[in-house]
N, C-alpha and C. Protein backbone atom coordinates (compact mmCIF):
# COMPACT_ATOMS: atom_id res chain seq x y z
N MET A 1 -199.07 -118.06 10.02
CA MET A 1 -200.42 -117.62 9.76
C MET A 1 -200.36 -116.14 9.39
N ASN A 2 -200.92 -115.81 8.23
CA ASN A 2 -200.92 -114.41 7.82
C ASN A 2 -202.15 -113.69 8.34
N GLN A 3 -202.25 -112.43 8.04
CA GLN A 3 -203.33 -111.62 8.60
C GLN A 3 -204.69 -112.03 8.05
N LYS A 4 -204.76 -112.46 6.78
CA LYS A 4 -206.05 -112.86 6.21
C LYS A 4 -206.63 -114.08 6.90
N THR A 5 -205.81 -115.09 7.19
CA THR A 5 -206.33 -116.27 7.86
C THR A 5 -206.58 -116.02 9.33
N ALA A 6 -205.90 -115.07 9.91
CA ALA A 6 -206.14 -114.75 11.31
C ALA A 6 -207.45 -114.02 11.49
N GLU A 7 -207.91 -113.30 10.45
CA GLU A 7 -209.14 -112.53 10.56
C GLU A 7 -210.38 -113.38 10.41
N ARG A 8 -210.31 -114.50 9.75
CA ARG A 8 -211.50 -115.33 9.54
C ARG A 8 -211.25 -116.75 10.06
N ASP A 9 -212.33 -117.47 10.18
CA ASP A 9 -212.24 -118.85 10.63
C ASP A 9 -211.72 -119.70 9.48
N VAL A 10 -210.66 -120.44 9.66
CA VAL A 10 -210.05 -121.20 8.58
C VAL A 10 -210.79 -122.50 8.29
N THR A 11 -211.70 -122.94 9.16
CA THR A 11 -212.42 -124.19 8.92
C THR A 11 -213.61 -124.03 8.00
N HIS A 12 -214.11 -122.80 7.83
CA HIS A 12 -215.26 -122.56 6.96
C HIS A 12 -214.90 -121.50 5.93
N PRO A 13 -215.38 -121.67 4.72
CA PRO A 13 -215.17 -120.60 3.74
C PRO A 13 -215.96 -119.36 4.16
N PRO A 14 -215.55 -118.18 3.73
CA PRO A 14 -216.22 -116.95 4.17
C PRO A 14 -217.70 -116.91 3.83
N THR A 15 -218.13 -117.59 2.76
CA THR A 15 -219.54 -117.56 2.39
C THR A 15 -220.39 -118.42 3.31
N ALA A 16 -219.76 -119.29 4.10
CA ALA A 16 -220.52 -120.21 4.94
C ALA A 16 -220.83 -119.62 6.30
N ILE A 17 -220.35 -118.44 6.61
CA ILE A 17 -220.56 -117.89 7.94
C ILE A 17 -221.62 -116.79 7.86
N HIS A 18 -222.69 -116.98 8.59
CA HIS A 18 -223.76 -116.01 8.67
C HIS A 18 -223.31 -114.86 9.55
N THR A 19 -224.03 -113.77 9.54
CA THR A 19 -223.63 -112.61 10.33
C THR A 19 -223.63 -112.90 11.82
N ASN A 20 -224.46 -113.85 12.26
CA ASN A 20 -224.47 -114.19 13.68
C ASN A 20 -223.49 -115.31 14.01
N GLY A 21 -222.71 -115.75 13.04
CA GLY A 21 -221.69 -116.76 13.29
C GLY A 21 -222.10 -118.17 12.93
N SER A 22 -223.35 -118.39 12.54
CA SER A 22 -223.78 -119.74 12.20
C SER A 22 -223.37 -120.09 10.78
N ALA A 23 -223.16 -121.36 10.55
CA ALA A 23 -222.74 -121.83 9.23
C ALA A 23 -223.97 -122.14 8.41
N ARG A 24 -224.42 -121.18 7.64
CA ARG A 24 -225.67 -121.31 6.90
C ARG A 24 -225.52 -122.22 5.68
N THR A 25 -224.55 -121.98 4.83
CA THR A 25 -224.43 -122.78 3.62
C THR A 25 -223.96 -124.19 3.91
N VAL A 26 -223.24 -124.38 5.00
CA VAL A 26 -222.83 -125.73 5.37
C VAL A 26 -224.07 -126.54 5.73
N GLY A 27 -225.01 -125.94 6.44
CA GLY A 27 -226.26 -126.61 6.79
C GLY A 27 -227.10 -126.91 5.57
N ARG A 28 -227.12 -125.97 4.64
CA ARG A 28 -227.88 -126.21 3.41
C ARG A 28 -227.26 -127.33 2.59
N ARG A 29 -225.95 -127.36 2.55
CA ARG A 29 -225.26 -128.43 1.82
C ARG A 29 -225.57 -129.78 2.44
N PHE A 30 -225.56 -129.83 3.78
CA PHE A 30 -225.89 -131.07 4.49
C PHE A 30 -227.33 -131.47 4.21
N ALA A 31 -228.24 -130.51 4.20
CA ALA A 31 -229.65 -130.81 3.94
C ALA A 31 -229.84 -131.35 2.53
N ARG A 32 -229.14 -130.76 1.55
CA ARG A 32 -229.23 -131.27 0.19
C ARG A 32 -228.73 -132.70 0.07
N ARG A 33 -227.60 -132.98 0.76
CA ARG A 33 -227.07 -134.35 0.72
C ARG A 33 -228.03 -135.31 1.40
N ALA A 34 -228.61 -134.92 2.53
CA ALA A 34 -229.54 -135.79 3.24
C ALA A 34 -230.78 -136.07 2.40
N ILE A 35 -231.29 -135.05 1.71
CA ILE A 35 -232.46 -135.25 0.86
C ILE A 35 -232.13 -136.18 -0.30
N SER A 36 -230.96 -136.03 -0.89
CA SER A 36 -230.60 -136.92 -2.00
C SER A 36 -230.43 -138.36 -1.54
N VAL A 37 -229.86 -138.54 -0.36
CA VAL A 37 -229.71 -139.90 0.17
C VAL A 37 -231.06 -140.50 0.49
N LEU A 38 -231.94 -139.73 1.12
CA LEU A 38 -233.26 -140.25 1.49
C LEU A 38 -234.13 -140.49 0.27
N SER A 39 -233.96 -139.70 -0.78
CA SER A 39 -234.76 -139.93 -1.98
C SER A 39 -234.30 -141.20 -2.70
N ASP A 40 -233.03 -141.56 -2.58
CA ASP A 40 -232.53 -142.79 -3.20
C ASP A 40 -232.74 -144.01 -2.32
N LEU A 41 -233.18 -143.81 -1.09
CA LEU A 41 -233.28 -144.92 -0.14
C LEU A 41 -234.17 -146.07 -0.62
N PRO A 42 -235.41 -145.82 -1.06
CA PRO A 42 -236.22 -146.96 -1.48
C PRO A 42 -235.63 -147.73 -2.64
N SER A 43 -234.92 -147.06 -3.53
CA SER A 43 -234.41 -147.74 -4.71
C SER A 43 -233.13 -148.53 -4.42
N ASN A 44 -232.34 -148.10 -3.43
CA ASN A 44 -231.07 -148.80 -3.21
C ASN A 44 -231.00 -149.51 -1.87
N ILE A 45 -232.11 -149.73 -1.21
CA ILE A 45 -232.06 -150.36 0.10
C ILE A 45 -231.64 -151.83 0.00
N GLU A 46 -232.08 -152.50 -1.03
CA GLU A 46 -231.68 -153.90 -1.20
C GLU A 46 -230.18 -154.03 -1.43
N VAL A 47 -229.63 -153.12 -2.20
CA VAL A 47 -228.19 -153.13 -2.47
C VAL A 47 -227.42 -152.87 -1.19
N GLU A 48 -227.88 -151.90 -0.40
CA GLU A 48 -227.21 -151.57 0.87
C GLU A 48 -227.27 -152.75 1.84
N ILE A 49 -228.39 -153.43 1.89
CA ILE A 49 -228.51 -154.58 2.79
C ILE A 49 -227.56 -155.69 2.36
N LYS A 50 -227.45 -155.92 1.06
CA LYS A 50 -226.55 -156.97 0.57
C LYS A 50 -225.09 -156.60 0.77
N GLN A 51 -224.76 -155.30 0.67
CA GLN A 51 -223.38 -154.88 0.86
C GLN A 51 -222.98 -154.84 2.32
N ASN A 52 -223.90 -154.49 3.20
CA ASN A 52 -223.62 -154.37 4.63
C ASN A 52 -224.62 -155.18 5.44
N PRO A 53 -224.52 -156.50 5.41
CA PRO A 53 -225.54 -157.30 6.10
C PRO A 53 -225.49 -157.16 7.63
N TYR A 54 -224.31 -156.98 8.20
CA TYR A 54 -224.23 -156.85 9.65
C TYR A 54 -224.79 -155.52 10.13
N ALA A 55 -224.57 -154.48 9.38
CA ALA A 55 -225.14 -153.18 9.74
C ALA A 55 -226.67 -153.23 9.63
N ALA A 56 -227.17 -153.87 8.58
CA ALA A 56 -228.62 -154.01 8.42
C ALA A 56 -229.22 -154.83 9.55
N LEU A 57 -228.51 -155.89 9.94
CA LEU A 57 -228.98 -156.72 11.05
C LEU A 57 -228.98 -155.92 12.36
N GLY A 58 -227.96 -155.11 12.56
CA GLY A 58 -227.89 -154.28 13.76
C GLY A 58 -229.00 -153.25 13.81
N ILE A 59 -229.29 -152.64 12.68
CA ILE A 59 -230.38 -151.66 12.61
C ILE A 59 -231.72 -152.34 12.88
N ALA A 60 -231.93 -153.51 12.28
CA ALA A 60 -233.18 -154.24 12.50
C ALA A 60 -233.32 -154.65 13.96
N CYS A 61 -232.23 -155.08 14.57
CA CYS A 61 -232.28 -155.44 16.00
C CYS A 61 -232.58 -154.22 16.86
N GLY A 62 -231.99 -153.10 16.53
CA GLY A 62 -232.25 -151.87 17.29
C GLY A 62 -233.69 -151.43 17.19
N ILE A 63 -234.24 -151.51 15.99
CA ILE A 63 -235.66 -151.15 15.80
C ILE A 63 -236.55 -152.13 16.56
N GLY A 64 -236.22 -153.40 16.47
CA GLY A 64 -237.01 -154.41 17.19
C GLY A 64 -236.95 -154.24 18.69
N MET A 65 -235.76 -153.95 19.21
CA MET A 65 -235.64 -153.75 20.66
C MET A 65 -236.38 -152.49 21.09
N GLY A 66 -236.30 -151.44 20.29
CA GLY A 66 -237.02 -150.21 20.62
C GLY A 66 -238.52 -150.44 20.65
N ALA A 67 -239.02 -151.15 19.64
CA ALA A 67 -240.46 -151.44 19.61
C ALA A 67 -240.85 -152.35 20.76
N GLY A 68 -239.99 -153.33 21.07
CA GLY A 68 -240.28 -154.24 22.18
C GLY A 68 -240.30 -153.51 23.52
N LEU A 69 -239.35 -152.61 23.72
CA LEU A 69 -239.34 -151.84 24.96
C LEU A 69 -240.56 -150.93 25.06
N LEU A 70 -240.91 -150.32 23.93
CA LEU A 70 -242.04 -149.42 23.93
C LEU A 70 -243.35 -150.15 24.19
N LEU A 71 -243.52 -151.28 23.54
CA LEU A 71 -244.77 -152.01 23.70
C LEU A 71 -244.77 -152.94 24.91
N GLY A 72 -243.61 -153.27 25.44
CA GLY A 72 -243.54 -154.18 26.58
C GLY A 72 -243.70 -153.50 27.92
N SER A 73 -243.44 -152.24 27.99
CA SER A 73 -243.55 -151.51 29.24
C SER A 73 -244.93 -150.87 29.35
N ARG A 74 -245.57 -151.05 30.47
CA ARG A 74 -246.91 -150.47 30.66
C ARG A 74 -246.85 -148.94 30.64
N VAL A 75 -245.82 -148.40 31.26
CA VAL A 75 -245.70 -146.94 31.33
C VAL A 75 -245.49 -146.36 29.94
N LEU A 76 -244.56 -146.94 29.17
CA LEU A 76 -244.31 -146.43 27.83
C LEU A 76 -245.48 -146.68 26.90
N ARG A 77 -246.14 -147.81 27.08
CA ARG A 77 -247.31 -148.11 26.25
C ARG A 77 -248.43 -147.11 26.53
N SER A 78 -248.63 -146.77 27.80
CA SER A 78 -249.67 -145.80 28.13
C SER A 78 -249.30 -144.40 27.61
N ALA A 79 -248.01 -144.07 27.65
CA ALA A 79 -247.57 -142.79 27.10
C ALA A 79 -247.80 -142.74 25.59
N LEU A 80 -247.55 -143.85 24.91
CA LEU A 80 -247.78 -143.92 23.47
C LEU A 80 -249.26 -143.78 23.15
N VAL A 81 -250.10 -144.48 23.89
CA VAL A 81 -251.55 -144.39 23.67
C VAL A 81 -252.04 -142.97 23.93
N THR A 82 -251.53 -142.34 24.98
CA THR A 82 -251.92 -140.97 25.29
C THR A 82 -251.51 -140.02 24.16
N ALA A 83 -250.30 -140.16 23.66
CA ALA A 83 -249.82 -139.29 22.59
C ALA A 83 -250.63 -139.50 21.31
N VAL A 84 -250.91 -140.74 20.96
CA VAL A 84 -251.66 -141.02 19.74
C VAL A 84 -253.10 -140.51 19.88
N SER A 85 -253.72 -140.73 21.03
CA SER A 85 -255.09 -140.25 21.21
C SER A 85 -255.14 -138.72 21.19
N TYR A 86 -254.16 -138.08 21.77
CA TYR A 86 -254.10 -136.61 21.72
C TYR A 86 -253.96 -136.13 20.28
N ALA A 87 -253.14 -136.79 19.50
CA ALA A 87 -252.97 -136.42 18.10
C ALA A 87 -254.28 -136.58 17.33
N PHE A 88 -255.01 -137.68 17.57
CA PHE A 88 -256.29 -137.89 16.90
C PHE A 88 -257.30 -136.83 17.30
N VAL A 89 -257.33 -136.46 18.57
CA VAL A 89 -258.27 -135.44 19.03
C VAL A 89 -257.95 -134.10 18.36
N GLU A 90 -256.68 -133.74 18.31
CA GLU A 90 -256.31 -132.47 17.69
C GLU A 90 -256.59 -132.46 16.19
N LEU A 91 -256.30 -133.57 15.52
CA LEU A 91 -256.60 -133.63 14.09
C LEU A 91 -258.10 -133.57 13.84
N GLY A 92 -258.88 -134.26 14.66
CA GLY A 92 -260.34 -134.22 14.54
C GLY A 92 -260.88 -132.83 14.81
N ARG A 93 -260.36 -132.18 15.83
CA ARG A 93 -260.80 -130.82 16.16
C ARG A 93 -260.48 -129.87 15.01
N SER A 94 -259.32 -129.99 14.44
CA SER A 94 -258.94 -129.14 13.33
C SER A 94 -259.83 -129.39 12.11
N TYR A 95 -260.12 -130.65 11.83
CA TYR A 95 -260.97 -131.00 10.70
C TYR A 95 -262.39 -130.46 10.90
N LEU A 96 -262.94 -130.64 12.10
CA LEU A 96 -264.29 -130.17 12.37
C LEU A 96 -264.37 -128.64 12.32
N GLN A 97 -263.36 -127.97 12.80
CA GLN A 97 -263.33 -126.52 12.74
C GLN A 97 -263.30 -126.05 11.29
N ASP A 98 -262.53 -126.72 10.47
CA ASP A 98 -262.44 -126.39 9.05
C ASP A 98 -263.79 -126.60 8.37
N VAL A 99 -264.44 -127.72 8.66
CA VAL A 99 -265.73 -128.04 8.04
C VAL A 99 -266.80 -127.04 8.47
N THR A 100 -266.85 -126.71 9.75
CA THR A 100 -267.88 -125.79 10.23
C THR A 100 -267.64 -124.38 9.71
N GLU A 101 -266.39 -123.95 9.58
CA GLU A 101 -266.12 -122.63 9.02
C GLU A 101 -266.54 -122.56 7.56
N ARG A 102 -266.30 -123.64 6.82
CA ARG A 102 -266.72 -123.66 5.42
C ARG A 102 -268.23 -123.69 5.30
N ALA A 103 -268.90 -124.43 6.21
CA ALA A 103 -270.36 -124.51 6.17
C ALA A 103 -270.99 -123.17 6.50
N LYS A 104 -270.39 -122.41 7.39
CA LYS A 104 -270.90 -121.09 7.74
C LYS A 104 -270.56 -120.04 6.69
N GLY A 105 -269.68 -120.36 5.79
CA GLY A 105 -269.30 -119.43 4.74
C GLY A 105 -268.20 -118.48 5.16
N LEU A 106 -267.55 -118.78 6.26
CA LEU A 106 -266.49 -117.91 6.70
C LEU A 106 -265.22 -118.05 5.87
N ARG A 107 -265.07 -119.22 5.28
CA ARG A 107 -263.88 -119.46 4.50
C ARG A 107 -264.25 -120.30 3.29
N GLU A 108 -263.58 -120.02 2.20
CA GLU A 108 -263.86 -120.78 0.97
C GLU A 108 -263.07 -122.07 0.97
N ALA A 109 -263.57 -123.04 0.24
CA ALA A 109 -262.89 -124.34 0.12
C ALA A 109 -261.56 -124.14 -0.60
N PRO A 110 -260.52 -124.89 -0.20
CA PRO A 110 -259.23 -124.76 -0.89
C PRO A 110 -259.31 -125.24 -2.32
N ALA A 111 -258.61 -124.55 -3.18
CA ALA A 111 -258.58 -124.93 -4.60
C ALA A 111 -257.71 -126.16 -4.78
N ASP A 112 -258.23 -127.17 -5.43
CA ASP A 112 -257.46 -128.42 -5.64
C ASP A 112 -256.66 -128.37 -6.86
């Protein structure tokens, strides 16, 4: 190992290390790949299911079991109802606040 490789981390290129030590460009590269995969998902899902039927079956079973556990348990079902109702209350409160501020003339309507 020479002095240049001893001074820097050999697993990441020098441009990938932020000043605080985090791998910034590696995360961005991962995010770009994830976005490209997710954007292609609706168009190639049938192909993926046909190529990997057991994996697709396993994913479907996992989703089904998760939904069954969530909806089958009274405690989890009540937690879900509480979370959804809280979300609706907050969204409604935000909407009403926006409408009343616009009606009072405190804020202009957003440009569409």
